């Protein structure tokens, strides 16, 4: 990963999604895997899901995990993570991928 850490959007970034994941999302395997990984990094008490598989497959457990995270964080419980949406932003912050600006 050639991320220079300058805060610029890097399309080869392996910790940020490039398209939507979840209910009705584009669900590219690489993006699904990122969301699954982020959810496993967050404590269950904060809406994370330590028990889901990081397999790139958007199945019922992944969508349930997204909804659980949204519910725990008082977000709209859509089951969908949009590229630049609030769910994605909070996933990055709570998992430690991004810092609060």
N, C-alpha and C. Protein backbone atom coordinates (compact mmCIF):
# COMPACT_ATOMS: atom_id res chain seq x y z
N UNK A 1 0.84 -1.18 0.00
CA UNK A 1 0.00 0.00 0.00
C UNK A 1 0.88 1.24 0.00
N UNK A 2 0.70 2.09 -0.99
CA UNK A 2 1.54 3.27 -1.11
C UNK A 2 0.87 4.52 -0.54
N UNK A 3 0.10 4.35 0.50
CA UNK A 3 -0.59 5.48 1.11
C UNK A 3 0.43 6.37 1.78
N UNK A 4 0.54 7.60 1.31
CA UNK A 4 1.56 8.50 1.83
C UNK A 4 1.14 9.19 3.13
N UNK A 5 -0.11 8.99 3.53
CA UNK A 5 -0.55 9.55 4.79
C UNK A 5 -0.82 11.04 4.71
N UNK A 6 -1.01 11.57 3.49
CA UNK A 6 -1.23 13.01 3.36
C UNK A 6 -2.71 13.38 3.42
N UNK A 7 -3.55 12.40 3.70
CA UNK A 7 -4.97 12.67 3.83
C UNK A 7 -5.70 12.74 2.51
N UNK A 8 -5.01 12.59 1.41
CA UNK A 8 -5.67 12.63 0.11
C UNK A 8 -6.38 11.29 -0.13
N UNK A 9 -7.50 11.36 -0.85
CA UNK A 9 -8.24 10.14 -1.15
C UNK A 9 -7.40 9.27 -2.07
N UNK A 10 -7.19 8.03 -1.67
CA UNK A 10 -6.34 7.13 -2.44
C UNK A 10 -7.17 5.93 -2.84
N UNK A 11 -7.41 5.75 -4.14
CA UNK A 11 -8.32 4.69 -4.58
C UNK A 11 -7.79 3.30 -4.29
N UNK A 12 -6.49 3.17 -4.01
CA UNK A 12 -5.95 1.85 -3.68
C UNK A 12 -5.91 1.63 -2.17
N UNK A 13 -6.54 2.54 -1.43
CA UNK A 13 -6.57 2.46 0.02
C UNK A 13 -7.25 1.16 0.45
N UNK A 14 -6.60 0.38 1.29
CA UNK A 14 -7.18 -0.91 1.66
C UNK A 14 -8.02 -0.86 2.93
N UNK A 15 -8.26 0.33 3.48
CA UNK A 15 -9.08 0.43 4.68
C UNK A 15 -10.31 1.31 4.48
N UNK A 16 -10.53 1.80 3.27
CA UNK A 16 -11.69 2.64 2.97
C UNK A 16 -12.41 2.06 1.75
N UNK A 17 -13.73 2.05 1.83
CA UNK A 17 -14.51 1.47 0.72
C UNK A 17 -14.57 2.42 -0.47
N UNK A 18 -14.69 1.84 -1.66
CA UNK A 18 -14.77 2.63 -2.89
C UNK A 18 -16.21 2.69 -3.41
N UNK A 19 -17.09 1.88 -2.84
CA UNK A 19 -18.49 1.85 -3.27
C UNK A 19 -19.34 1.32 -2.12
N UNK A 20 -20.65 1.39 -2.29
CA UNK A 20 -21.57 1.04 -1.21
C UNK A 20 -21.57 -0.46 -0.89
N UNK A 21 -21.83 -0.75 0.39
CA UNK A 21 -21.84 -2.12 0.89
C UNK A 21 -23.10 -2.34 1.71
N UNK A 22 -23.71 -3.50 1.54
CA UNK A 22 -24.87 -3.86 2.35
C UNK A 22 -26.15 -3.96 1.54
N UNK A 23 -27.25 -3.59 2.17
CA UNK A 23 -28.58 -3.74 1.61
C UNK A 23 -28.74 -2.88 0.35
N UNK A 24 -28.74 -3.51 -0.83
CA UNK A 24 -28.89 -2.79 -2.08
C UNK A 24 -27.62 -2.12 -2.57
N UNK A 25 -26.50 -2.39 -1.92
CA UNK A 25 -25.23 -1.76 -2.31
C UNK A 25 -24.57 -2.46 -3.48
N UNK A 26 -23.46 -1.86 -3.94
CA UNK A 26 -22.70 -2.45 -5.06
C UNK A 26 -22.05 -3.77 -4.61
N UNK A 27 -21.64 -3.82 -3.35
CA UNK A 27 -21.12 -5.04 -2.73
C UNK A 27 -19.96 -5.70 -3.48
N UNK A 28 -18.99 -4.88 -3.87
CA UNK A 28 -17.75 -5.44 -4.41
C UNK A 28 -17.05 -6.17 -3.28
N UNK A 29 -16.50 -7.32 -3.58
CA UNK A 29 -15.91 -8.17 -2.53
C UNK A 29 -14.87 -7.42 -1.70
N UNK A 30 -14.04 -6.61 -2.35
CA UNK A 30 -12.99 -5.89 -1.62
C UNK A 30 -13.61 -4.92 -0.61
N UNK A 31 -14.71 -4.27 -0.99
CA UNK A 31 -15.36 -3.31 -0.10
C UNK A 31 -16.11 -4.03 1.03
N UNK A 32 -16.77 -5.14 0.70
CA UNK A 32 -17.48 -5.92 1.72
C UNK A 32 -16.47 -6.38 2.78
N UNK A 33 -15.32 -6.86 2.31
CA UNK A 33 -14.28 -7.33 3.23
C UNK A 33 -13.82 -6.20 4.16
N UNK A 34 -13.66 -4.99 3.64
CA UNK A 34 -13.25 -3.85 4.47
C UNK A 34 -14.30 -3.58 5.55
N UNK A 35 -15.57 -3.52 5.16
CA UNK A 35 -16.63 -3.26 6.15
C UNK A 35 -16.67 -4.36 7.21
N UNK A 36 -16.54 -5.60 6.76
CA UNK A 36 -16.53 -6.72 7.72
C UNK A 36 -15.36 -6.58 8.70
N UNK A 37 -14.19 -6.25 8.17
CA UNK A 37 -13.01 -6.10 9.01
C UNK A 37 -13.21 -4.96 10.02
N UNK A 38 -13.74 -3.83 9.56
CA UNK A 38 -13.97 -2.70 10.46
C UNK A 38 -14.94 -3.09 11.57
N UNK A 39 -16.01 -3.81 11.22
CA UNK A 39 -17.01 -4.22 12.21
C UNK A 39 -16.40 -5.15 13.26
N UNK A 40 -15.44 -5.99 12.85
CA UNK A 40 -14.81 -6.91 13.81
C UNK A 40 -13.83 -6.18 14.72
N UNK A 41 -13.35 -5.00 14.32
CA UNK A 41 -12.40 -4.24 15.14
C UNK A 41 -13.10 -3.45 16.25
N UNK A 42 -14.40 -3.26 16.11
CA UNK A 42 -15.16 -2.43 17.06
C UNK A 42 -15.78 -3.35 18.11
N UNK A 43 -15.75 -2.93 19.35
CA UNK A 43 -16.28 -3.78 20.43
C UNK A 43 -17.78 -4.00 20.24
N UNK A 44 -18.25 -5.17 20.67
CA UNK A 44 -19.67 -5.49 20.55
C UNK A 44 -20.53 -4.45 21.26
N UNK A 45 -20.02 -3.91 22.37
CA UNK A 45 -20.76 -2.90 23.12
C UNK A 45 -20.95 -1.60 22.36
N UNK A 46 -20.06 -1.34 21.39
CA UNK A 46 -20.17 -0.13 20.57
C UNK A 46 -20.82 -0.42 19.22
N UNK A 47 -21.43 -1.60 19.10
CA UNK A 47 -22.13 -1.94 17.87
C UNK A 47 -21.31 -2.76 16.89
N UNK A 48 -20.11 -3.16 17.31
CA UNK A 48 -19.29 -4.01 16.46
C UNK A 48 -19.79 -5.44 16.48
N UNK A 49 -19.21 -6.27 15.62
CA UNK A 49 -19.61 -7.68 15.53
C UNK A 49 -18.36 -8.53 15.39
N UNK A 50 -17.83 -8.98 16.53
CA UNK A 50 -16.58 -9.74 16.53
C UNK A 50 -16.73 -11.12 15.90
N UNK A 51 -17.99 -11.57 15.73
CA UNK A 51 -18.21 -12.96 15.28
C UNK A 51 -18.49 -13.11 13.79
N UNK A 52 -18.46 -12.01 13.01
CA UNK A 52 -18.76 -12.19 11.58
C UNK A 52 -17.51 -12.59 10.81
N UNK A 53 -17.72 -13.29 9.71
CA UNK A 53 -16.61 -13.72 8.86
C UNK A 53 -16.18 -12.56 7.97
N UNK A 54 -14.87 -12.42 7.80
CA UNK A 54 -14.33 -11.43 6.87
C UNK A 54 -14.02 -12.18 5.58
N UNK A 55 -15.07 -12.36 4.76
CA UNK A 55 -14.95 -13.22 3.57
C UNK A 55 -15.33 -12.52 2.27
N UNK A 56 -15.71 -11.24 2.36
CA UNK A 56 -16.07 -10.51 1.14
C UNK A 56 -17.45 -10.84 0.61
N UNK A 57 -18.20 -11.64 1.35
CA UNK A 57 -19.55 -12.02 0.91
C UNK A 57 -20.57 -11.23 1.72
N UNK A 58 -21.42 -10.46 1.04
CA UNK A 58 -22.45 -9.70 1.75
C UNK A 58 -23.67 -10.58 1.95
N UNK A 59 -23.72 -11.26 3.09
CA UNK A 59 -24.85 -12.13 3.41
C UNK A 59 -25.67 -11.56 4.54
N UNK A 60 -26.64 -12.33 5.03
CA UNK A 60 -27.53 -11.85 6.09
C UNK A 60 -26.79 -11.44 7.37
N UNK A 61 -25.70 -12.14 7.71
CA UNK A 61 -24.97 -11.79 8.94
C UNK A 61 -24.27 -10.44 8.79
N UNK A 62 -23.72 -10.18 7.61
CA UNK A 62 -23.06 -8.89 7.39
C UNK A 62 -24.08 -7.77 7.43
N UNK A 63 -25.23 -7.94 6.77
CA UNK A 63 -26.25 -6.89 6.78
C UNK A 63 -26.80 -6.68 8.19
N UNK A 64 -26.95 -7.77 8.95
CA UNK A 64 -27.41 -7.64 10.34
C UNK A 64 -26.37 -6.90 11.17
N UNK A 65 -25.09 -7.16 10.91
CA UNK A 65 -24.01 -6.49 11.64
C UNK A 65 -23.99 -5.00 11.33
N UNK A 66 -24.23 -4.65 10.07
CA UNK A 66 -24.29 -3.23 9.68
C UNK A 66 -25.46 -2.56 10.41
N UNK A 67 -26.62 -3.22 10.40
CA UNK A 67 -27.79 -2.65 11.09
C UNK A 67 -27.54 -2.50 12.59
N UNK A 68 -26.88 -3.50 13.18
CA UNK A 68 -26.56 -3.44 14.62
C UNK A 68 -25.68 -2.23 14.91
N UNK A 69 -24.67 -2.01 14.07
CA UNK A 69 -23.78 -0.87 14.25
C UNK A 69 -24.57 0.44 14.12
N UNK A 70 -25.43 0.51 13.10
CA UNK A 70 -26.22 1.72 12.90
C UNK A 70 -27.15 1.98 14.09
N UNK A 71 -27.78 0.92 14.58
CA UNK A 71 -28.70 1.05 15.72
C UNK A 71 -27.95 1.53 16.97
N UNK A 72 -26.78 0.93 17.24
CA UNK A 72 -26.00 1.27 18.42
C UNK A 72 -25.51 2.72 18.39
N UNK A 73 -25.37 3.27 17.18
CA UNK A 73 -24.84 4.62 17.02
C UNK A 73 -25.89 5.63 16.59
N UNK A 74 -27.17 5.24 16.74
CA UNK A 74 -28.30 6.12 16.45
C UNK A 74 -28.27 6.66 15.03
N UNK A 75 -27.86 5.80 14.10
CA UNK A 75 -27.88 6.15 12.68
C UNK A 75 -29.13 5.53 12.05
N UNK A 76 -29.51 5.99 10.87
CA UNK A 76 -30.62 5.37 10.16
C UNK A 76 -30.28 3.91 9.91
N UNK A 77 -31.18 3.02 10.31
CA UNK A 77 -30.90 1.58 10.25
C UNK A 77 -31.24 1.02 8.87
N UNK A 78 -30.43 1.39 7.88
CA UNK A 78 -30.70 1.02 6.49
C UNK A 78 -30.05 -0.30 6.10
N UNK A 79 -29.01 -0.71 6.85
CA UNK A 79 -28.25 -1.89 6.46
C UNK A 79 -27.32 -1.61 5.30
N UNK A 80 -27.15 -0.32 4.96
CA UNK A 80 -26.32 0.08 3.83
C UNK A 80 -25.23 1.03 4.30
N UNK A 81 -23.99 0.77 3.86
CA UNK A 81 -22.87 1.67 4.14
C UNK A 81 -22.51 2.36 2.83
N UNK A 82 -22.75 3.66 2.76
CA UNK A 82 -22.40 4.42 1.55
C UNK A 82 -20.96 4.91 1.67
N UNK A 83 -20.32 5.09 0.50
CA UNK A 83 -18.90 5.45 0.46
C UNK A 83 -18.57 6.63 1.37
N UNK A 84 -19.34 7.69 1.30
CA UNK A 84 -19.03 8.90 2.08
C UNK A 84 -20.11 9.20 3.11
N UNK A 85 -20.88 8.19 3.47
CA UNK A 85 -21.99 8.40 4.39
C UNK A 85 -21.57 8.37 5.85
N UNK A 86 -22.53 8.67 6.71
CA UNK A 86 -22.27 8.72 8.14
C UNK A 86 -21.85 7.39 8.73
N UNK A 87 -22.45 6.29 8.24
CA UNK A 87 -22.08 4.97 8.76
C UNK A 87 -20.61 4.68 8.48
N UNK A 88 -20.18 4.95 7.24
CA UNK A 88 -18.77 4.70 6.87
C UNK A 88 -17.85 5.57 7.72
N UNK A 89 -18.19 6.84 7.85
CA UNK A 89 -17.36 7.77 8.63
C UNK A 89 -17.18 7.27 10.06
N UNK A 90 -18.29 6.86 10.67
CA UNK A 90 -18.22 6.38 12.06
C UNK A 90 -17.49 5.05 12.16
N UNK A 91 -17.66 4.17 11.17
CA UNK A 91 -16.91 2.91 11.16
C UNK A 91 -15.41 3.18 11.15
N UNK A 92 -14.98 4.12 10.32
CA UNK A 92 -13.55 4.44 10.23
C UNK A 92 -13.03 4.97 11.56
N UNK A 93 -13.80 5.86 12.18
CA UNK A 93 -13.35 6.47 13.43
C UNK A 93 -13.33 5.45 14.57
N UNK A 94 -14.42 4.71 14.72
CA UNK A 94 -14.50 3.78 15.86
C UNK A 94 -13.54 2.61 15.74
N UNK A 95 -13.20 2.24 14.51
CA UNK A 95 -12.26 1.13 14.32
C UNK A 95 -10.81 1.60 14.42
N UNK A 96 -10.61 2.92 14.47
CA UNK A 96 -9.26 3.45 14.57
C UNK A 96 -8.57 3.70 13.24
N UNK A 97 -9.30 3.53 12.13
CA UNK A 97 -8.72 3.75 10.82
C UNK A 97 -8.52 5.25 10.57
N UNK A 98 -9.53 6.05 10.95
CA UNK A 98 -9.45 7.51 10.80
C UNK A 98 -9.49 8.16 12.17
N UNK A 99 -8.92 9.35 12.24
CA UNK A 99 -9.00 10.15 13.46
C UNK A 99 -10.13 11.16 13.32
N UNK A 100 -10.70 11.54 14.43
CA UNK A 100 -11.72 12.58 14.41
C UNK A 100 -11.08 13.88 13.98
N UNK A 101 -11.69 14.55 13.01
CA UNK A 101 -11.14 15.82 12.51
C UNK A 101 -11.55 16.97 13.41
